[in-house]
Amino acid sequence: MANIKSAKKRIQVTKTRTARNKSIRSSVKTSIKKVEAAVKSGDKAAAQEALRNSISTISKATSKGVYHKNNCANKVSRISKLVNNME
């Protein structure tokens, strides 16, 4: 365990950031699952709405530095392709 005051503070800051990042990652995964579920059910309107919400969530995660921009671009591309390829 750290004895120096600044090291103790860094531990606390790391815990806070880890919790925030975990929450954001979870919300991104949930939003992607909602898009996939809507595509699987065949409801194009619901899929497009879920896609719009998901892209927003992913963009926020990128701006907060939780994911790299290319990783987020790949996620958006993949779910967009799913929705666009629906009949």
N, C-alpha and C. Protein backbone atom coordinates (compact mmCIF):
# COMPACT_ATOMS: atom_id res chain seq x y z
N MET A 1 0.85 -1.19 0.00
CA MET A 1 0.00 0.00 0.00
C MET A 1 0.89 1.24 0.00
N ALA A 2 0.42 2.27 -0.68
CA ALA A 2 1.20 3.51 -0.80
C ALA A 2 1.23 4.27 0.51
N ASN A 3 2.37 4.89 0.79
CA ASN A 3 2.53 5.73 1.98
C ASN A 3 2.54 7.21 1.63
N ILE A 4 2.94 7.52 0.39
CA ILE A 4 3.06 8.91 -0.02
C ILE A 4 1.68 9.46 -0.39
N LYS A 5 1.42 10.69 0.02
CA LYS A 5 0.11 11.29 -0.18
C LYS A 5 -0.30 11.33 -1.65
N SER A 6 0.62 11.71 -2.53
CA SER A 6 0.29 11.81 -3.95
C SER A 6 0.00 10.42 -4.54
N ALA A 7 0.69 9.41 -4.06
CA ALA A 7 0.44 8.04 -4.55
C ALA A 7 -0.94 7.56 -4.10
N LYS A 8 -1.32 7.91 -2.87
CA LYS A 8 -2.66 7.55 -2.38
C LYS A 8 -3.73 8.23 -3.23
N LYS A 9 -3.49 9.47 -3.59
CA LYS A 9 -4.44 10.21 -4.42
C LYS A 9 -4.55 9.55 -5.80
N ARG A 10 -3.41 9.16 -6.38
CA ARG A 10 -3.44 8.52 -7.70
C ARG A 10 -4.26 7.24 -7.66
N ILE A 11 -4.15 6.48 -6.56
CA ILE A 11 -4.93 5.24 -6.42
C ILE A 11 -6.43 5.56 -6.44
N GLN A 12 -6.83 6.60 -5.72
CA GLN A 12 -8.24 6.98 -5.67
C GLN A 12 -8.73 7.46 -7.03
N VAL A 13 -7.91 8.26 -7.71
CA VAL A 13 -8.28 8.77 -9.03
C VAL A 13 -8.42 7.62 -10.02
N THR A 14 -7.52 6.66 -9.93
CA THR A 14 -7.57 5.49 -10.81
C THR A 14 -8.85 4.70 -10.59
N LYS A 15 -9.24 4.52 -9.33
CA LYS A 15 -10.49 3.80 -9.02
C LYS A 15 -11.69 4.53 -9.62
N THR A 16 -11.70 5.84 -9.49
CA THR A 16 -12.81 6.65 -10.02
C THR A 16 -12.89 6.52 -11.53
N ARG A 17 -11.74 6.66 -12.20
CA ARG A 17 -11.71 6.58 -13.66
C ARG A 17 -12.09 5.18 -14.14
N THR A 18 -11.62 4.16 -13.44
CA THR A 18 -11.93 2.78 -13.81
C THR A 18 -13.43 2.54 -13.74
N ALA A 19 -14.06 3.03 -12.69
CA ALA A 19 -15.51 2.86 -12.54
C ALA A 19 -16.26 3.58 -13.66
N ARG A 20 -15.81 4.80 -13.99
CA ARG A 20 -16.47 5.56 -15.06
C ARG A 20 -16.31 4.85 -16.39
N ASN A 21 -15.09 4.40 -16.69
CA ASN A 21 -14.84 3.73 -17.96
C ASN A 21 -15.63 2.43 -18.07
N LYS A 22 -15.73 1.70 -16.97
CA LYS A 22 -16.49 0.44 -16.97
C LYS A 22 -17.96 0.71 -17.26
N SER A 23 -18.50 1.76 -16.67
CA SER A 23 -19.90 2.12 -16.89
C SER A 23 -20.15 2.50 -18.34
N ILE A 24 -19.26 3.28 -18.90
CA ILE A 24 -19.41 3.73 -20.29
C ILE A 24 -19.29 2.55 -21.24
N ARG A 25 -18.31 1.66 -21.01
CA ARG A 25 -18.15 0.47 -21.86
C ARG A 25 -19.40 -0.40 -21.81
N SER A 26 -19.98 -0.53 -20.63
CA SER A 26 -21.18 -1.34 -20.46
C SER A 26 -22.34 -0.75 -21.25
N SER A 27 -22.50 0.57 -21.21
CA SER A 27 -23.60 1.20 -21.93
C SER A 27 -23.41 1.07 -23.44
N VAL A 28 -22.16 1.12 -23.91
CA VAL A 28 -21.89 0.93 -25.34
C VAL A 28 -22.28 -0.48 -25.76
N LYS A 29 -21.86 -1.47 -24.97
CA LYS A 29 -22.18 -2.86 -25.30
C LYS A 29 -23.70 -3.08 -25.31
N THR A 30 -24.39 -2.50 -24.34
CA THR A 30 -25.84 -2.64 -24.26
C THR A 30 -26.51 -2.03 -25.48
N SER A 31 -26.06 -0.86 -25.90
CA SER A 31 -26.67 -0.20 -27.05
C SER A 31 -26.44 -1.01 -28.33
N ILE A 32 -25.27 -1.62 -28.46
CA ILE A 32 -24.99 -2.45 -29.63
C ILE A 32 -25.89 -3.69 -29.62
N LYS A 33 -26.08 -4.28 -28.44
CA LYS A 33 -26.95 -5.46 -28.33
C LYS A 33 -28.39 -5.11 -28.70
N LYS A 34 -28.83 -3.89 -28.37
CA LYS A 34 -30.19 -3.47 -28.73
C LYS A 34 -30.34 -3.38 -30.24
N VAL A 35 -29.32 -2.88 -30.93
CA VAL A 35 -29.35 -2.81 -32.40
C VAL A 35 -29.43 -4.21 -32.97
N GLU A 36 -28.58 -5.10 -32.47
CA GLU A 36 -28.55 -6.47 -32.98
C GLU A 36 -29.88 -7.18 -32.74
N ALA A 37 -30.50 -6.93 -31.59
CA ALA A 37 -31.79 -7.56 -31.29
C ALA A 37 -32.88 -7.03 -32.22
N ALA A 38 -32.85 -5.73 -32.50
CA ALA A 38 -33.85 -5.15 -33.40
C ALA A 38 -33.67 -5.69 -34.81
N VAL A 39 -32.44 -5.86 -35.25
CA VAL A 39 -32.18 -6.42 -36.58
C VAL A 39 -32.67 -7.86 -36.64
N LYS A 40 -32.40 -8.61 -35.58
CA LYS A 40 -32.81 -10.02 -35.54
C LYS A 40 -34.33 -10.16 -35.57
N SER A 41 -35.03 -9.23 -34.91
CA SER A 41 -36.49 -9.29 -34.90
C SER A 41 -37.09 -8.86 -36.24
N GLY A 42 -36.31 -8.15 -37.05
CA GLY A 42 -36.77 -7.75 -38.38
C GLY A 42 -37.50 -6.42 -38.43
N ASP A 43 -37.51 -5.68 -37.34
CA ASP A 43 -38.19 -4.39 -37.28
C ASP A 43 -37.22 -3.29 -37.70
N LYS A 44 -37.35 -2.84 -38.95
CA LYS A 44 -36.39 -1.87 -39.50
C LYS A 44 -36.46 -0.51 -38.79
N ALA A 45 -37.67 -0.06 -38.46
CA ALA A 45 -37.82 1.24 -37.79
C ALA A 45 -37.15 1.22 -36.42
N ALA A 46 -37.38 0.15 -35.68
CA ALA A 46 -36.77 0.03 -34.35
C ALA A 46 -35.26 -0.09 -34.47
N ALA A 47 -34.80 -0.79 -35.50
CA ALA A 47 -33.36 -0.95 -35.71
C ALA A 47 -32.71 0.39 -36.02
N GLN A 48 -33.36 1.21 -36.83
CA GLN A 48 -32.79 2.52 -37.16
C GLN A 48 -32.76 3.43 -35.94
N GLU A 49 -33.80 3.37 -35.13
CA GLU A 49 -33.83 4.18 -33.91
C GLU A 49 -32.73 3.72 -32.94
N ALA A 50 -32.59 2.40 -32.79
CA ALA A 50 -31.55 1.86 -31.91
C ALA A 50 -30.17 2.21 -32.45
N LEU A 51 -30.02 2.20 -33.78
CA LEU A 51 -28.74 2.56 -34.40
C LEU A 51 -28.38 4.00 -34.08
N ARG A 52 -29.35 4.89 -34.21
CA ARG A 52 -29.11 6.31 -33.94
C ARG A 52 -28.66 6.51 -32.48
N ASN A 53 -29.36 5.85 -31.55
CA ASN A 53 -28.99 5.96 -30.13
C ASN A 53 -27.62 5.35 -29.86
N SER A 54 -27.34 4.24 -30.52
CA SER A 54 -26.08 3.55 -30.33
C SER A 54 -24.90 4.39 -30.84
N ILE A 55 -25.06 5.00 -32.00
CA ILE A 55 -24.00 5.84 -32.55
C ILE A 55 -23.72 7.01 -31.61
N SER A 56 -24.75 7.57 -31.03
CA SER A 56 -24.59 8.66 -30.08
C SER A 56 -23.79 8.20 -28.86
N THR A 57 -24.15 7.03 -28.33
CA THR A 57 -23.46 6.50 -27.15
C THR A 57 -21.99 6.21 -27.46
N ILE A 58 -21.74 5.63 -28.63
CA ILE A 58 -20.37 5.30 -29.03
C ILE A 58 -19.54 6.58 -29.22
N SER A 59 -20.15 7.60 -29.81
CA SER A 59 -19.44 8.87 -30.02
C SER A 59 -19.06 9.53 -28.70
N LYS A 60 -19.97 9.44 -27.72
CA LYS A 60 -19.66 10.01 -26.41
C LYS A 60 -18.51 9.26 -25.75
N ALA A 61 -18.49 7.95 -25.92
CA ALA A 61 -17.39 7.15 -25.35
C ALA A 61 -16.07 7.55 -26.00
N THR A 62 -16.10 7.83 -27.29
CA THR A 62 -14.88 8.25 -27.99
C THR A 62 -14.40 9.59 -27.46
N SER A 63 -15.32 10.52 -27.31
CA SER A 63 -14.93 11.87 -26.88
C SER A 63 -14.40 11.88 -25.45
N LYS A 64 -14.83 10.91 -24.63
CA LYS A 64 -14.33 10.83 -23.26
C LYS A 64 -13.02 10.05 -23.16
N GLY A 65 -12.59 9.49 -24.29
CA GLY A 65 -11.32 8.78 -24.30
C GLY A 65 -11.39 7.35 -23.81
N VAL A 66 -12.59 6.79 -23.73
CA VAL A 66 -12.73 5.41 -23.26
C VAL A 66 -12.30 4.43 -24.35
N TYR A 67 -12.67 4.72 -25.59
CA TYR A 67 -12.28 3.91 -26.73
C TYR A 67 -11.45 4.76 -27.69
N HIS A 68 -10.59 4.11 -28.46
CA HIS A 68 -9.85 4.79 -29.52
C HIS A 68 -10.83 5.10 -30.66
N LYS A 69 -10.57 6.18 -31.39
CA LYS A 69 -11.52 6.61 -32.42
C LYS A 69 -11.70 5.56 -33.52
N ASN A 70 -10.62 4.83 -33.86
CA ASN A 70 -10.75 3.80 -34.90
C ASN A 70 -11.58 2.62 -34.42
N ASN A 71 -11.45 2.29 -33.14
CA ASN A 71 -12.25 1.22 -32.57
C ASN A 71 -13.73 1.58 -32.65
N CYS A 72 -14.05 2.82 -32.31
CA CYS A 72 -15.44 3.26 -32.37
C CYS A 72 -15.94 3.32 -33.81
N ALA A 73 -15.08 3.74 -34.72
CA ALA A 73 -15.47 3.78 -36.13
C ALA A 73 -15.81 2.38 -36.62
N ASN A 74 -15.03 1.38 -36.18
CA ASN A 74 -15.31 0.00 -36.56
C ASN A 74 -16.64 -0.49 -35.98
N LYS A 75 -16.92 -0.12 -34.74
CA LYS A 75 -18.18 -0.50 -34.12
C LYS A 75 -19.37 0.11 -34.87
N VAL A 76 -19.27 1.40 -35.18
CA VAL A 76 -20.34 2.09 -35.89
C VAL A 76 -20.53 1.48 -37.27
N SER A 77 -19.44 1.20 -37.95
CA SER A 77 -19.50 0.62 -39.29
C SER A 77 -20.18 -0.73 -39.26
N ARG A 78 -19.84 -1.55 -38.29
CA ARG A 78 -20.39 -2.89 -38.21
C ARG A 78 -21.90 -2.88 -37.97
N ILE A 79 -22.36 -2.06 -37.02
CA ILE A 79 -23.80 -2.04 -36.74
C ILE A 79 -24.57 -1.33 -37.84
N SER A 80 -23.94 -0.34 -38.48
CA SER A 80 -24.60 0.35 -39.61
C SER A 80 -24.81 -0.63 -40.75
N LYS A 81 -23.82 -1.47 -41.01
CA LYS A 81 -23.93 -2.46 -42.07
C LYS A 81 -25.06 -3.45 -41.77
N LEU A 82 -25.19 -3.82 -40.50
CA LEU A 82 -26.27 -4.74 -40.11
C LEU A 82 -27.65 -4.15 -40.46
N VAL A 83 -27.83 -2.87 -40.08
CA VAL A 83 -29.12 -2.21 -40.30
C VAL A 83 -29.36 -1.97 -41.79
N ASN A 84 -28.33 -1.55 -42.51
CA ASN A 84 -28.49 -1.23 -43.93
C ASN A 84 -28.76 -2.47 -44.79
N ASN A 85 -28.31 -3.64 -44.32
CA ASN A 85 -28.51 -4.85 -45.09
C ASN A 85 -29.83 -5.56 -44.79
N MET A 86 -30.67 -4.93 -43.97
CA MET A 86 -32.00 -5.52 -43.71
C MET A 86 -32.87 -5.36 -44.95
N GLU A 87 -33.81 -6.30 -45.11
CA GLU A 87 -34.72 -6.20 -46.27
C GLU A 87 -35.72 -5.08 -46.05
